[in-house]
Amino acid sequence: MSNDLKIAISGKSGCGNTTVSKIVAEKLNLRLINYTFHTMAEEQGISFRELCERAEKDSSYDKHLDRKQIEMASEGNCVLGSRLAIWLFKDADIKIFLTAPAEVRARRIAEREGEDLERVMRETAERDERDRQRYLRLYNLDNNKYDFADLIIETEKYDQWEEADLIIKAVRGRL
C-alpha cells in the first residue's frame, strides 16, 4: 500500500461507519481517524446528548469537529470515518458511502444500545433530518446525495468483514 493513502468512509448512523473504518484501517495498516461528537463530549466532560443539543444551536461544534478531522486526515496514510468525510475530505484517494434502509439502521442502533425499536426508529428519522438540515445550513451540502462516491455499499447485504473486503478490493483496484 502507498504510504500516503487517504480513504474517506461516510454513512448515516447505524450503517457501520465506525466498525468498517476500524477494520479497513487495521487490515491496511493505516491510521484510523475517528474524532467524533462522542470524543468532543468526553473532552468537554458533558454527555453526548448535551453536546448534540449545543451543536443544534451553535455551529462552532460542527465546524471544530470537521476542521479537526480534516486536519488529522490531511497528514495522510489514514482512514477517515465520519458522517461528512466523503464531502469534506477533498484529498481522499477513494470515497466510500455506506447505506442501509432507515428500518435496518434503527434496528442495529436499538440492538447495540438495548433500546426500544419504535422509539429508535422515530429518533433516527428525526436525527437524520436534523443532520441534513444542519449540513445544508453549514456547508450547503445534502448528505442524501452521495452518488459521486467511488463506491456505495448497501450494508444490509453484507456483514462488516465483507464490507471491509469490498473497500480493500476497491482501494487496491485504484492503486
N, C-alpha and C. Protein backbone atom coordinates (compact mmCIF):
# COMPACT_ATOMS: atom_id res chain seq x y z
N MET A 1 0.83 -1.19 0.00
CA MET A 1 0.00 0.00 0.00
C MET A 1 0.87 1.25 0.00
N SER A 2 0.37 2.26 -0.64
CA SER A 2 1.05 3.56 -0.65
C SER A 2 1.17 4.07 0.77
N ASN A 3 2.26 4.78 1.05
CA ASN A 3 2.39 5.30 2.41
C ASN A 3 1.70 6.65 2.56
N ASP A 4 0.94 7.05 1.56
CA ASP A 4 0.17 8.28 1.67
C ASP A 4 -1.26 8.04 1.18
N LEU A 5 -1.82 6.91 1.56
CA LEU A 5 -3.17 6.54 1.17
C LEU A 5 -4.19 7.23 2.07
N LYS A 6 -5.21 7.82 1.44
CA LYS A 6 -6.25 8.53 2.19
C LYS A 6 -7.61 7.99 1.77
N ILE A 7 -8.30 7.38 2.73
CA ILE A 7 -9.61 6.77 2.48
C ILE A 7 -10.66 7.51 3.30
N ALA A 8 -11.77 7.88 2.65
CA ALA A 8 -12.90 8.53 3.33
C ALA A 8 -14.09 7.59 3.30
N ILE A 9 -14.69 7.35 4.47
CA ILE A 9 -15.86 6.49 4.58
C ILE A 9 -16.95 7.25 5.32
N SER A 10 -18.12 7.35 4.70
CA SER A 10 -19.26 8.05 5.30
C SER A 10 -20.50 7.19 5.26
N GLY A 11 -21.49 7.60 6.03
CA GLY A 11 -22.79 6.96 6.06
C GLY A 11 -23.56 7.50 7.25
N LYS A 12 -24.84 7.32 7.23
CA LYS A 12 -25.68 7.79 8.35
C LYS A 12 -25.55 6.83 9.53
N SER A 13 -26.08 7.24 10.67
CA SER A 13 -25.98 6.42 11.87
C SER A 13 -26.61 5.04 11.63
N GLY A 14 -25.92 4.02 12.13
CA GLY A 14 -26.41 2.66 12.00
C GLY A 14 -25.94 1.95 10.74
N CYS A 15 -25.12 2.62 9.93
CA CYS A 15 -24.61 1.98 8.70
C CYS A 15 -23.32 1.22 8.94
N GLY A 16 -22.69 1.44 10.08
CA GLY A 16 -21.47 0.71 10.40
C GLY A 16 -20.19 1.44 10.07
N ASN A 17 -20.25 2.75 9.91
CA ASN A 17 -19.05 3.55 9.59
C ASN A 17 -17.88 3.24 10.51
N THR A 18 -18.12 3.35 11.79
CA THR A 18 -17.04 3.19 12.76
C THR A 18 -16.44 1.80 12.69
N THR A 19 -17.28 0.79 12.71
CA THR A 19 -16.80 -0.60 12.68
C THR A 19 -16.02 -0.89 11.41
N VAL A 20 -16.59 -0.54 10.27
CA VAL A 20 -15.94 -0.83 8.99
C VAL A 20 -14.65 -0.03 8.84
N SER A 21 -14.67 1.23 9.26
CA SER A 21 -13.46 2.06 9.18
C SER A 21 -12.33 1.44 10.01
N LYS A 22 -12.66 0.93 11.19
CA LYS A 22 -11.66 0.28 12.05
C LYS A 22 -11.07 -0.94 11.37
N ILE A 23 -11.92 -1.76 10.78
CA ILE A 23 -11.45 -2.99 10.12
C ILE A 23 -10.55 -2.65 8.94
N VAL A 24 -10.98 -1.70 8.10
CA VAL A 24 -10.19 -1.32 6.93
C VAL A 24 -8.84 -0.76 7.37
N ALA A 25 -8.84 0.13 8.35
CA ALA A 25 -7.58 0.71 8.83
C ALA A 25 -6.65 -0.37 9.35
N GLU A 26 -7.19 -1.29 10.12
CA GLU A 26 -6.37 -2.37 10.67
C GLU A 26 -5.80 -3.26 9.57
N LYS A 27 -6.65 -3.68 8.63
CA LYS A 27 -6.20 -4.59 7.56
C LYS A 27 -5.17 -3.93 6.64
N LEU A 28 -5.28 -2.62 6.44
CA LEU A 28 -4.34 -1.92 5.55
C LEU A 28 -3.21 -1.24 6.31
N ASN A 29 -3.20 -1.43 7.63
CA ASN A 29 -2.18 -0.83 8.48
C ASN A 29 -2.12 0.70 8.30
N LEU A 30 -3.31 1.31 8.37
CA LEU A 30 -3.44 2.76 8.26
C LEU A 30 -3.94 3.33 9.58
N ARG A 31 -3.68 4.61 9.81
CA ARG A 31 -4.22 5.28 10.98
C ARG A 31 -5.74 5.41 10.84
N LEU A 32 -6.43 5.19 11.93
CA LEU A 32 -7.87 5.41 11.96
C LEU A 32 -8.12 6.78 12.56
N ILE A 33 -8.86 7.60 11.85
CA ILE A 33 -9.26 8.89 12.39
C ILE A 33 -10.74 8.79 12.68
N ASN A 34 -11.06 8.80 13.97
CA ASN A 34 -12.44 8.64 14.41
C ASN A 34 -12.73 9.67 15.49
N TYR A 35 -12.45 10.92 15.17
CA TYR A 35 -12.73 12.03 16.08
C TYR A 35 -14.18 12.42 15.86
N THR A 36 -15.02 12.25 16.89
CA THR A 36 -16.47 12.40 16.74
C THR A 36 -17.05 13.31 17.82
N PHE A 37 -18.35 13.54 17.73
CA PHE A 37 -19.04 14.27 18.79
C PHE A 37 -18.90 13.52 20.12
N HIS A 38 -18.83 12.19 20.07
CA HIS A 38 -18.60 11.42 21.31
C HIS A 38 -17.25 11.82 21.92
N THR A 39 -16.23 11.93 21.08
CA THR A 39 -14.90 12.33 21.53
C THR A 39 -14.94 13.74 22.13
N MET A 40 -15.60 14.66 21.42
CA MET A 40 -15.69 16.05 21.90
C MET A 40 -16.44 16.12 23.23
N ALA A 41 -17.53 15.36 23.35
CA ALA A 41 -18.30 15.37 24.60
C ALA A 41 -17.43 14.89 25.76
N GLU A 42 -16.68 13.83 25.52
CA GLU A 42 -15.78 13.30 26.55
C GLU A 42 -14.73 14.35 26.93
N GLU A 43 -14.13 15.00 25.93
CA GLU A 43 -13.12 16.03 26.20
C GLU A 43 -13.69 17.19 27.03
N GLN A 44 -14.98 17.50 26.78
CA GLN A 44 -15.59 18.63 27.48
C GLN A 44 -16.30 18.22 28.77
N GLY A 45 -16.33 16.91 29.05
CA GLY A 45 -16.95 16.43 30.28
C GLY A 45 -18.46 16.59 30.30
N ILE A 46 -19.09 16.48 29.13
CA ILE A 46 -20.55 16.56 29.05
C ILE A 46 -21.07 15.31 28.33
N SER A 47 -22.37 15.09 28.41
CA SER A 47 -22.95 13.92 27.75
C SER A 47 -23.01 14.15 26.24
N PHE A 48 -23.06 13.06 25.51
CA PHE A 48 -23.17 13.11 24.06
C PHE A 48 -24.44 13.88 23.67
N ARG A 49 -25.53 13.57 24.35
CA ARG A 49 -26.81 14.23 24.06
C ARG A 49 -26.70 15.74 24.27
N GLU A 50 -26.04 16.14 25.37
CA GLU A 50 -25.86 17.57 25.65
C GLU A 50 -25.04 18.24 24.55
N LEU A 51 -23.98 17.58 24.10
CA LEU A 51 -23.18 18.16 23.03
C LEU A 51 -24.00 18.31 21.76
N CYS A 52 -24.81 17.30 21.43
CA CYS A 52 -25.65 17.37 20.24
C CYS A 52 -26.65 18.52 20.34
N GLU A 53 -27.21 18.70 21.52
CA GLU A 53 -28.16 19.81 21.72
C GLU A 53 -27.46 21.15 21.54
N ARG A 54 -26.26 21.27 22.06
CA ARG A 54 -25.49 22.51 21.88
C ARG A 54 -25.16 22.74 20.41
N ALA A 55 -24.80 21.66 19.73
CA ALA A 55 -24.42 21.76 18.31
C ALA A 55 -25.61 22.20 17.44
N GLU A 56 -26.81 21.84 17.88
CA GLU A 56 -28.00 22.26 17.14
C GLU A 56 -28.12 23.79 17.12
N LYS A 57 -27.63 24.43 18.19
CA LYS A 57 -27.78 25.88 18.34
C LYS A 57 -26.52 26.65 18.00
N ASP A 58 -25.39 25.96 17.96
CA ASP A 58 -24.11 26.64 17.78
C ASP A 58 -23.25 25.87 16.77
N SER A 59 -23.07 26.45 15.60
CA SER A 59 -22.37 25.76 14.51
C SER A 59 -20.88 25.58 14.78
N SER A 60 -20.35 26.23 15.80
CA SER A 60 -18.91 26.09 16.07
C SER A 60 -18.54 24.66 16.44
N TYR A 61 -19.47 23.89 17.00
CA TYR A 61 -19.19 22.50 17.36
C TYR A 61 -18.93 21.67 16.10
N ASP A 62 -19.82 21.77 15.13
CA ASP A 62 -19.64 21.05 13.87
C ASP A 62 -18.37 21.50 13.17
N LYS A 63 -18.17 22.79 13.10
CA LYS A 63 -17.02 23.31 12.36
C LYS A 63 -15.71 22.88 13.02
N HIS A 64 -15.67 22.87 14.36
CA HIS A 64 -14.48 22.40 15.07
C HIS A 64 -14.23 20.92 14.75
N LEU A 65 -15.28 20.12 14.87
CA LEU A 65 -15.18 18.68 14.60
C LEU A 65 -14.66 18.43 13.18
N ASP A 66 -15.28 19.06 12.22
CA ASP A 66 -14.92 18.82 10.82
C ASP A 66 -13.51 19.33 10.51
N ARG A 67 -13.16 20.47 11.04
CA ARG A 67 -11.81 21.02 10.83
C ARG A 67 -10.76 20.10 11.43
N LYS A 68 -11.02 19.62 12.64
CA LYS A 68 -10.08 18.72 13.33
C LYS A 68 -9.90 17.41 12.54
N GLN A 69 -11.01 16.83 12.07
CA GLN A 69 -10.93 15.58 11.30
C GLN A 69 -10.09 15.77 10.04
N ILE A 70 -10.37 16.81 9.29
CA ILE A 70 -9.66 17.05 8.03
C ILE A 70 -8.19 17.36 8.29
N GLU A 71 -7.92 18.11 9.33
CA GLU A 71 -6.54 18.41 9.71
C GLU A 71 -5.77 17.11 10.00
N MET A 72 -6.38 16.23 10.77
CA MET A 72 -5.75 14.95 11.10
C MET A 72 -5.59 14.08 9.86
N ALA A 73 -6.62 14.04 9.02
CA ALA A 73 -6.59 13.19 7.83
C ALA A 73 -5.61 13.69 6.78
N SER A 74 -5.40 14.99 6.74
CA SER A 74 -4.51 15.57 5.73
C SER A 74 -3.07 15.10 5.87
N GLU A 75 -2.73 14.57 7.03
CA GLU A 75 -1.39 14.03 7.23
C GLU A 75 -1.18 12.75 6.41
N GLY A 76 -2.27 12.17 5.90
CA GLY A 76 -2.18 11.01 5.03
C GLY A 76 -2.11 9.69 5.76
N ASN A 77 -2.03 8.63 4.96
CA ASN A 77 -1.89 7.28 5.48
C ASN A 77 -2.98 6.96 6.51
N CYS A 78 -4.26 7.16 6.10
CA CYS A 78 -5.33 7.05 7.08
C CYS A 78 -6.66 6.64 6.46
N VAL A 79 -7.55 6.25 7.36
CA VAL A 79 -8.96 6.05 7.05
C VAL A 79 -9.71 7.06 7.91
N LEU A 80 -10.45 7.94 7.25
CA LEU A 80 -11.31 8.89 7.97
C LEU A 80 -12.73 8.39 7.84
N GLY A 81 -13.29 7.98 8.97
CA GLY A 81 -14.68 7.54 9.00
C GLY A 81 -15.50 8.60 9.71
N SER A 82 -16.35 9.30 8.96
CA SER A 82 -17.20 10.32 9.57
C SER A 82 -18.41 10.58 8.70
N ARG A 83 -19.42 11.20 9.27
CA ARG A 83 -20.65 11.48 8.54
C ARG A 83 -20.38 12.26 7.25
N LEU A 84 -19.41 13.19 7.28
CA LEU A 84 -19.17 14.07 6.14
C LEU A 84 -17.83 13.84 5.44
N ALA A 85 -17.16 12.77 5.75
CA ALA A 85 -15.81 12.53 5.20
C ALA A 85 -15.77 12.63 3.69
N ILE A 86 -16.72 12.01 3.00
CA ILE A 86 -16.63 11.99 1.53
C ILE A 86 -16.89 13.36 0.92
N TRP A 87 -17.53 14.24 1.65
CA TRP A 87 -17.77 15.59 1.14
C TRP A 87 -16.64 16.55 1.50
N LEU A 88 -16.14 16.44 2.71
CA LEU A 88 -15.18 17.43 3.20
C LEU A 88 -13.71 17.06 2.98
N PHE A 89 -13.42 15.76 2.89
CA PHE A 89 -12.03 15.32 2.72
C PHE A 89 -11.72 15.28 1.22
N LYS A 90 -11.50 16.45 0.67
CA LYS A 90 -11.30 16.62 -0.78
C LYS A 90 -10.11 15.82 -1.30
N ASP A 91 -9.08 15.63 -0.47
CA ASP A 91 -7.86 14.95 -0.89
C ASP A 91 -7.92 13.43 -0.78
N ALA A 92 -9.07 12.89 -0.39
CA ALA A 92 -9.18 11.43 -0.25
C ALA A 92 -8.93 10.76 -1.60
N ASP A 93 -8.18 9.66 -1.57
CA ASP A 93 -7.90 8.89 -2.78
C ASP A 93 -9.12 8.10 -3.23
N ILE A 94 -9.94 7.71 -2.25
CA ILE A 94 -11.16 6.96 -2.56
C ILE A 94 -12.22 7.34 -1.52
N LYS A 95 -13.45 7.49 -2.01
CA LYS A 95 -14.57 7.89 -1.16
C LYS A 95 -15.64 6.81 -1.19
N ILE A 96 -16.00 6.32 0.00
CA ILE A 96 -16.95 5.22 0.13
C ILE A 96 -18.15 5.70 0.94
N PHE A 97 -19.35 5.36 0.47
CA PHE A 97 -20.56 5.67 1.22
C PHE A 97 -21.25 4.38 1.59
N LEU A 98 -21.55 4.22 2.88
CA LEU A 98 -22.28 3.05 3.38
C LEU A 98 -23.74 3.45 3.56
N THR A 99 -24.63 2.63 3.06
CA THR A 99 -26.05 2.96 3.15
C THR A 99 -26.86 1.75 3.61
N ALA A 100 -28.01 2.02 4.17
CA ALA A 100 -28.96 0.98 4.56
C ALA A 100 -30.31 1.65 4.75
N PRO A 101 -31.40 0.91 4.55
CA PRO A 101 -32.72 1.48 4.80
C PRO A 101 -32.85 1.93 6.26
N ALA A 102 -33.69 2.94 6.47
CA ALA A 102 -33.88 3.51 7.81
C ALA A 102 -34.24 2.45 8.84
N GLU A 103 -35.09 1.49 8.47
CA GLU A 103 -35.52 0.46 9.42
C GLU A 103 -34.34 -0.42 9.85
N VAL A 104 -33.47 -0.74 8.90
CA VAL A 104 -32.30 -1.57 9.20
C VAL A 104 -31.36 -0.81 10.14
N ARG A 105 -31.13 0.46 9.84
CA ARG A 105 -30.24 1.26 10.68
C ARG A 105 -30.80 1.39 12.09
N ALA A 106 -32.10 1.65 12.20
CA ALA A 106 -32.73 1.79 13.52
C ALA A 106 -32.65 0.48 14.31
N ARG A 107 -32.86 -0.65 13.63
CA ARG A 107 -32.78 -1.94 14.31
C ARG A 107 -31.38 -2.17 14.87
N ARG A 108 -30.36 -1.85 14.07
CA ARG A 108 -28.97 -2.02 14.53
C ARG A 108 -28.69 -1.15 15.75
N ILE A 109 -29.13 0.10 15.68
CA ILE A 109 -28.91 1.02 16.81
C ILE A 109 -29.64 0.52 18.05
N ALA A 110 -30.89 0.10 17.89
CA ALA A 110 -31.69 -0.39 19.02
C ALA A 110 -31.02 -1.60 19.66
N GLU A 111 -30.53 -2.53 18.84
CA GLU A 111 -29.85 -3.72 19.36
C GLU A 111 -28.55 -3.34 20.06
N ARG A 112 -27.78 -2.45 19.45
CA ARG A 112 -26.49 -2.05 20.02
C ARG A 112 -26.67 -1.36 21.37
N GLU A 113 -27.71 -0.53 21.46
CA GLU A 113 -27.89 0.27 22.68
C GLU A 113 -28.95 -0.28 23.62
N GLY A 114 -29.54 -1.43 23.27
CA GLY A 114 -30.55 -2.03 24.13
C GLY A 114 -31.78 -1.15 24.30
N GLU A 115 -32.19 -0.50 23.22
CA GLU A 115 -33.31 0.44 23.27
C GLU A 115 -34.53 -0.13 22.55
N ASP A 116 -35.67 0.53 22.74
CA ASP A 116 -36.92 0.17 22.09
C ASP A 116 -36.86 0.54 20.60
N LEU A 117 -37.17 -0.42 19.73
CA LEU A 117 -37.05 -0.23 18.29
C LEU A 117 -37.93 0.91 17.78
N GLU A 118 -39.16 0.97 18.20
CA GLU A 118 -40.07 2.03 17.70
C GLU A 118 -39.54 3.42 18.05
N ARG A 119 -39.06 3.57 19.28
CA ARG A 119 -38.52 4.86 19.70
C ARG A 119 -37.27 5.20 18.90
N VAL A 120 -36.40 4.21 18.70
CA VAL A 120 -35.16 4.44 17.95
C VAL A 120 -35.48 4.78 16.50
N MET A 121 -36.49 4.14 15.92
CA MET A 121 -36.87 4.46 14.54
C MET A 121 -37.29 5.93 14.44
N ARG A 122 -38.10 6.36 15.37
CA ARG A 122 -38.57 7.75 15.38
C ARG A 122 -37.40 8.72 15.59
N GLU A 123 -36.55 8.42 16.58
CA GLU A 123 -35.41 9.29 16.87
C GLU A 123 -34.39 9.32 15.73
N THR A 124 -34.20 8.18 15.07
CA THR A 124 -33.25 8.12 13.96
C THR A 124 -33.75 8.96 12.79
N ALA A 125 -35.02 8.85 12.49
CA ALA A 125 -35.61 9.66 11.40
C ALA A 125 -35.47 11.15 11.73
N GLU A 126 -35.75 11.50 12.98
CA GLU A 126 -35.64 12.91 13.39
C GLU A 126 -34.18 13.38 13.32
N ARG A 127 -33.27 12.54 13.76
CA ARG A 127 -31.85 12.90 13.73
C ARG A 127 -31.36 13.05 12.29
N ASP A 128 -31.77 12.12 11.43
CA ASP A 128 -31.38 12.20 10.02
C ASP A 128 -31.79 13.55 9.42
N GLU A 129 -33.01 13.96 9.69
CA GLU A 129 -33.50 15.22 9.12
C GLU A 129 -32.80 16.43 9.75
N ARG A 130 -32.58 16.39 11.06
CA ARG A 130 -31.84 17.50 11.72
C ARG A 130 -30.43 17.60 11.14
N ASP A 131 -29.76 16.45 11.00
CA ASP A 131 -28.41 16.45 10.43
C ASP A 131 -28.42 17.01 9.02
N ARG A 132 -29.35 16.55 8.20
CA ARG A 132 -29.44 17.02 6.81
C ARG A 132 -29.61 18.54 6.76
N GLN A 133 -30.52 19.05 7.57
CA GLN A 133 -30.76 20.50 7.59
C GLN A 133 -29.51 21.25 8.07
N ARG A 134 -28.84 20.70 9.07
CA ARG A 134 -27.63 21.35 9.60
C ARG A 134 -26.52 21.38 8.55
N TYR A 135 -26.32 20.28 7.83
CA TYR A 135 -25.27 20.23 6.81
C TYR A 135 -25.59 21.16 5.64
N LEU A 136 -26.88 21.28 5.31
CA LEU A 136 -27.27 22.23 4.27
C LEU A 136 -26.96 23.65 4.72
N ARG A 137 -27.29 23.95 5.96
CA ARG A 137 -27.05 25.29 6.51
C ARG A 137 -25.56 25.60 6.62
N LEU A 138 -24.78 24.64 7.13
CA LEU A 138 -23.35 24.88 7.38
C LEU A 138 -22.50 24.86 6.12
N TYR A 139 -22.78 23.89 5.24
CA TYR A 139 -21.88 23.65 4.11
C TYR A 139 -22.58 23.64 2.75
N ASN A 140 -23.89 23.86 2.77
CA ASN A 140 -24.68 23.77 1.54
C ASN A 140 -24.48 22.40 0.87
N LEU A 141 -24.47 21.35 1.68
CA LEU A 141 -24.36 20.00 1.13
C LEU A 141 -25.51 19.15 1.64
N ASP A 142 -25.98 18.30 0.76
CA ASP A 142 -27.10 17.41 1.05
C ASP A 142 -26.55 16.01 1.23
N ASN A 143 -26.56 15.51 2.45
CA ASN A 143 -25.99 14.19 2.71
C ASN A 143 -26.88 13.05 2.19
N ASN A 144 -27.98 13.38 1.55
CA ASN A 144 -28.77 12.37 0.85
C ASN A 144 -28.29 12.21 -0.59
N LYS A 145 -27.35 13.04 -1.01
CA LYS A 145 -26.80 12.98 -2.38
C LYS A 145 -25.34 12.56 -2.30
N TYR A 146 -25.13 11.29 -2.53
CA TYR A 146 -23.79 10.70 -2.39
C TYR A 146 -23.40 9.91 -3.63
N ASP A 147 -24.09 10.15 -4.74
CA ASP A 147 -23.84 9.37 -5.95
C ASP A 147 -22.46 9.60 -6.56
N PHE A 148 -21.74 10.61 -6.09
CA PHE A 148 -20.38 10.89 -6.56
C PHE A 148 -19.34 9.98 -5.90
N ALA A 149 -19.75 9.26 -4.86
CA ALA A 149 -18.80 8.39 -4.15
C ALA A 149 -18.23 7.35 -5.11
N ASP A 150 -16.99 6.97 -4.86
CA ASP A 150 -16.33 5.96 -5.70
C ASP A 150 -16.93 4.58 -5.51
N LEU A 151 -17.45 4.33 -4.32
CA LEU A 151 -18.05 3.04 -4.00
C LEU A 151 -19.20 3.26 -3.03
N ILE A 152 -20.36 2.71 -3.35
CA ILE A 152 -21.53 2.77 -2.47
C ILE A 152 -21.85 1.34 -2.09
N ILE A 153 -21.89 1.08 -0.78
CA ILE A 153 -22.16 -0.27 -0.30
C ILE A 153 -23.48 -0.29 0.45
N GLU A 154 -24.39 -1.15 0.01
CA GLU A 154 -25.66 -1.35 0.69
C GLU A 154 -25.41 -2.35 1.83
N THR A 155 -25.26 -1.82 3.03
CA THR A 155 -24.74 -2.63 4.14
C THR A 155 -25.70 -3.70 4.65
N GLU A 156 -26.97 -3.65 4.28
CA GLU A 156 -27.87 -4.71 4.73
C GLU A 156 -27.57 -6.02 4.00
N LYS A 157 -26.78 -5.96 2.92
CA LYS A 157 -26.47 -7.15 2.14
C LYS A 157 -25.21 -7.88 2.60
N TYR A 158 -24.40 -7.22 3.45
CA TYR A 158 -23.11 -7.77 3.84
C TYR A 158 -22.88 -7.60 5.34
N ASP A 159 -21.95 -8.39 5.87
CA ASP A 159 -21.52 -8.12 7.24
C ASP A 159 -20.32 -7.17 7.18
N GLN A 160 -19.86 -6.71 8.32
CA GLN A 160 -18.80 -5.70 8.36
C GLN A 160 -17.50 -6.18 7.72
N TRP A 161 -17.21 -7.49 7.83
CA TRP A 161 -15.98 -8.04 7.25
C TRP A 161 -16.05 -8.04 5.73
N GLU A 162 -17.22 -8.39 5.20
CA GLU A 162 -17.40 -8.38 3.75
C GLU A 162 -17.34 -6.94 3.21
N GLU A 163 -17.92 -6.02 3.95
CA GLU A 163 -17.87 -4.61 3.53
C GLU A 163 -16.42 -4.13 3.50
N ALA A 164 -15.66 -4.45 4.53
CA ALA A 164 -14.24 -4.06 4.57
C ALA A 164 -13.49 -4.67 3.39
N ASP A 165 -13.78 -5.93 3.07
CA ASP A 165 -13.11 -6.58 1.94
C ASP A 165 -13.47 -5.90 0.62
N LEU A 166 -14.72 -5.49 0.46
CA LEU A 166 -15.13 -4.76 -0.75
C LEU A 166 -14.35 -3.44 -0.88
N ILE A 167 -14.19 -2.75 0.24
CA ILE A 167 -13.45 -1.48 0.24
C ILE A 167 -11.98 -1.72 -0.11
N ILE A 168 -11.39 -2.72 0.51
CA ILE A 168 -9.97 -3.01 0.26
C ILE A 168 -9.76 -3.40 -1.20
N LYS A 169 -10.67 -4.18 -1.74
CA LYS A 169 -10.58 -4.55 -3.16
C LYS A 169 -10.67 -3.30 -4.03
N ALA A 170 -11.56 -2.39 -3.72
CA ALA A 170 -11.69 -1.15 -4.50
C ALA A 170 -10.43 -0.28 -4.37
N VAL A 171 -9.87 -0.21 -3.16
CA VAL A 171 -8.64 0.56 -2.94
C VAL A 171 -7.51 -0.02 -3.78
N ARG A 172 -7.34 -1.33 -3.73
CA ARG A 172 -6.26 -1.98 -4.48
C ARG A 172 -6.46 -1.82 -5.98
N GLY A 173 -7.71 -1.78 -6.42
CA GLY A 173 -8.00 -1.58 -7.84
C GLY A 173 -7.66 -0.18 -8.34
N ARG A 174 -7.57 0.75 -7.41
CA ARG A 174 -7.27 2.14 -7.78
C ARG A 174 -5.78 2.47 -7.68
N LEU A 175 -5.00 1.57 -7.09
CA LEU A 175 -3.58 1.86 -6.91
C LEU A 175 -2.79 1.57 -8.17
